[in-house]
Amino acid sequence: MASVSMTVNGKTVSGEVEGRTLLVEFLRQGLGLTGTHVGCDTSQCGACVVHMNGESVKACTVFAMAAEGAEVRTIEGMANADGSLGVIQQAFQDHHGLQCGFCTPGMVMSAADLLQKNPDPSETEVREWLEGNICRCTGYHNIVKAILAAGETLRGAKIAAE
């Protein structure tokens, strides 16, 4: 066993892990943050996407020890400080970008990374960005609409703040 320490959703956390413990396991079992889902265990579905040091990663492919000292953000960290839904989460609700909800945390996290890198993506760019995220329910149309709407809201908020 080894000790690992990182910042998750703004809070410093630590725990004891085996060398083979995946980040997704540490988040879910070690920290009780079950919003990050395990879908395929092979990095194909994207249900486990989190941000590590500001970049999207599939937490089923990262060892917990590799996150030593890292800043990790999970779906739980996407809500507003008062607990209400964040902009992207709200857009998914408003535009019916979810059905069963299993893929939604990974989709939201991937969308947040995209909108950070490209605040005004085209529909094609959104679809290409989501290639590593599988949804078996929605057909993606409303997910894409939700991400485009969230981008518009975030751009409007940024302009208003300036």
Protein backbone atom coordinates (compact mmCIF):
# COMPACT_ATOMS: atom_id res chain seq x y z
CA MET A 1 0.00 0.00 0.00
CA ALA A 2 1.08 3.55 -0.69
CA SER A 3 -0.21 6.93 0.34
CA VAL A 4 -1.65 9.24 -2.31
CA SER A 5 -2.68 12.86 -1.92
CA MET A 6 -4.42 15.17 -4.37
CA THR A 7 -6.93 17.99 -4.52
CA VAL A 8 -10.38 16.82 -5.59
CA ASN A 9 -13.05 19.42 -6.30
CA GLY A 10 -11.05 21.99 -4.34
CA LYS A 11 -10.45 19.85 -1.25
CA THR A 12 -7.19 18.16 -0.32
CA VAL A 13 -7.71 14.43 0.08
CA SER A 14 -5.45 11.49 0.75
CA GLY A 15 -5.71 7.77 1.10
CA GLU A 16 -3.94 4.46 1.00
CA VAL A 17 -3.97 2.65 -2.34
CA GLU A 18 -2.39 -0.36 -3.97
CA GLY A 19 -0.14 0.46 -6.89
CA ARG A 20 -2.70 -0.95 -9.31
CA THR A 21 -5.62 1.13 -7.98
CA LEU A 22 -7.19 3.17 -10.75
CA LEU A 23 -8.16 6.79 -10.25
CA VAL A 24 -11.81 5.92 -10.88
CA GLU A 25 -11.67 3.32 -8.08
CA PHE A 26 -10.04 5.79 -5.68
CA LEU A 27 -12.69 8.41 -6.46
CA ARG A 28 -15.63 6.02 -6.15
CA GLN A 29 -14.57 3.65 -3.37
CA GLY A 30 -11.95 5.70 -1.57
CA LEU A 31 -13.74 9.04 -1.60
CA GLY A 32 -17.37 8.08 -2.18
CA LEU A 33 -17.62 10.26 -5.30
CA THR A 34 -19.82 7.91 -7.28
CA GLY A 35 -20.80 10.39 -9.98
CA THR A 36 -17.81 9.23 -12.03
CA HIS A 37 -19.09 6.05 -13.65
CA VAL A 38 -17.31 2.86 -14.66
CA GLY A 39 -18.73 1.71 -17.95
CA CYS A 40 -16.36 -0.41 -19.95
CA ASP A 41 -13.03 -0.68 -18.08
CA THR A 42 -11.29 -0.35 -21.45
CA SER A 43 -11.28 3.41 -22.11
CA GLN A 44 -13.92 3.11 -24.82
CA CYS A 45 -17.07 4.65 -23.35
CA GLY A 46 -16.02 7.89 -21.63
CA ALA A 47 -18.34 7.48 -18.64
CA CYS A 48 -15.36 7.94 -16.31
CA VAL A 49 -14.05 11.25 -17.69
CA VAL A 50 -12.71 13.63 -15.06
CA HIS A 51 -10.36 16.60 -15.28
CA MET A 52 -6.82 16.18 -14.03
CA ASN A 53 -4.77 19.36 -13.95
CA GLY A 54 -7.29 20.96 -16.29
CA GLU A 55 -7.32 18.21 -18.93
CA SER A 56 -9.92 15.53 -19.63
CA VAL A 57 -8.74 12.05 -18.72
CA LYS A 58 -10.49 8.73 -18.60
CA ALA A 59 -10.12 7.82 -14.95
CA CYS A 60 -10.23 4.10 -15.79
CA THR A 61 -6.85 4.48 -17.52
CA VAL A 62 -5.03 6.51 -14.87
CA PHE A 63 -3.51 4.98 -11.76
CA ALA A 64 -4.41 6.81 -8.57
CA MET A 65 -0.69 7.20 -7.85
CA ALA A 66 -0.30 9.10 -11.14
CA ALA A 67 -2.65 11.72 -9.71
CA GLU A 68 -0.34 12.38 -6.76
CA GLY A 69 -0.37 16.14 -6.17
CA ALA A 70 -2.83 16.71 -9.02
CA GLU A 71 -5.91 18.91 -9.17
CA VAL A 72 -8.83 16.60 -10.00
CA ARG A 73 -12.35 17.74 -10.81
CA THR A 74 -15.25 15.32 -10.97
CA ILE A 75 -18.88 15.77 -11.94
CA GLU A 76 -19.61 16.59 -8.29
CA GLY A 77 -17.34 19.62 -8.68
CA MET A 78 -19.35 20.98 -11.61
CA ALA A 79 -22.26 22.23 -9.49
CA ASN A 80 -22.48 25.82 -8.33
CA ALA A 81 -21.32 26.66 -4.79
CA ASP A 82 -24.93 26.65 -3.57
CA GLY A 83 -25.44 23.11 -4.90
CA SER A 84 -27.51 24.13 -7.91
CA LEU A 85 -26.65 22.79 -11.33
CA GLY A 86 -23.74 24.40 -13.14
CA VAL A 87 -24.23 25.93 -16.60
CA ILE A 88 -23.38 22.78 -18.54
CA GLN A 89 -25.42 20.53 -16.26
CA GLN A 90 -28.40 22.89 -16.55
CA ALA A 91 -28.08 22.93 -20.34
CA PHE A 92 -28.17 19.12 -20.38
CA GLN A 93 -31.39 19.24 -18.35
CA ASP A 94 -32.95 22.08 -20.37
CA HIS A 95 -32.18 20.47 -23.74
CA HIS A 96 -32.96 16.88 -22.74
CA GLY A 97 -29.32 15.85 -23.24
CA LEU A 98 -29.74 12.77 -21.08
CA GLN A 99 -32.00 9.78 -20.79
CA CYS A 100 -30.73 7.01 -18.56
CA GLY A 101 -28.00 9.34 -17.30
CA PHE A 102 -25.20 6.79 -17.20
CA CYS A 103 -22.99 8.59 -19.74
CA THR A 104 -23.99 12.08 -18.58
CA PRO A 105 -21.15 12.74 -16.08
CA GLY A 106 -18.53 11.88 -18.69
CA MET A 107 -20.36 13.91 -21.34
CA VAL A 108 -20.56 16.95 -19.05
CA MET A 109 -16.88 16.69 -18.15
CA SER A 110 -15.87 16.32 -21.80
CA ALA A 111 -18.11 19.25 -22.74
CA ALA A 112 -16.50 21.42 -20.05
CA ASP A 113 -13.05 20.64 -21.43
CA LEU A 114 -14.17 21.42 -24.97
CA LEU A 115 -15.79 24.73 -23.99
CA GLN A 116 -12.68 25.70 -22.03
CA LYS A 117 -10.52 25.13 -25.09
CA ASN A 118 -13.04 26.31 -27.70
CA PRO A 119 -15.78 28.59 -26.28
CA ASP A 120 -17.64 28.74 -29.62
CA PRO A 121 -17.50 25.28 -31.21
CA SER A 122 -19.47 24.30 -34.29
CA GLU A 123 -21.84 21.35 -34.22
CA THR A 124 -19.25 19.34 -36.13
CA GLU A 125 -16.54 20.21 -33.60
CA VAL A 126 -18.77 19.13 -30.71
CA ARG A 127 -19.56 15.82 -32.41
CA GLU A 128 -15.87 15.19 -33.14
CA TRP A 129 -14.90 16.05 -29.55
CA LEU A 130 -17.39 13.51 -28.21
CA GLU A 131 -16.00 10.63 -30.27
CA GLY A 132 -14.59 9.03 -27.11
CA ASN A 133 -17.93 9.18 -25.27
CA ILE A 134 -20.62 6.61 -25.93
CA CYS A 135 -24.31 7.16 -25.29
CA ARG A 136 -26.62 4.25 -25.97
CA CYS A 137 -29.86 6.17 -25.41
CA THR A 138 -29.98 9.64 -26.90
CA GLY A 139 -28.58 9.53 -30.41
CA TYR A 140 -26.40 12.53 -29.38
CA HIS A 141 -28.59 15.21 -31.01
CA ASN A 142 -29.79 16.73 -27.73
CA ILE A 143 -26.36 16.33 -26.13
CA VAL A 144 -24.88 18.42 -28.94
CA LYS A 145 -27.68 21.00 -28.57
CA ALA A 146 -27.01 21.17 -24.83
CA ILE A 147 -23.29 21.75 -25.30
CA LEU A 148 -23.87 24.45 -27.91
CA ALA A 149 -26.38 26.16 -25.60
CA ALA A 150 -23.99 25.94 -22.64
CA GLY A 151 -21.27 27.52 -24.76
CA GLU A 152 -23.60 30.36 -25.66
CA THR A 153 -24.51 30.92 -21.99
CA LEU A 154 -20.88 30.85 -20.89
CA ARG A 155 -19.85 33.28 -23.64
CA GLY A 156 -22.69 35.62 -22.61
CA ALA A 157 -21.62 35.47 -18.97
CA LYS A 158 -18.03 36.23 -19.92
CA ILE A 159 -19.06 39.25 -22.00
CA ALA A 160 -21.30 40.51 -19.19
CA ALA A 161 -18.42 40.19 -16.71
CA GLU A 162 -16.09 42.25 -18.89
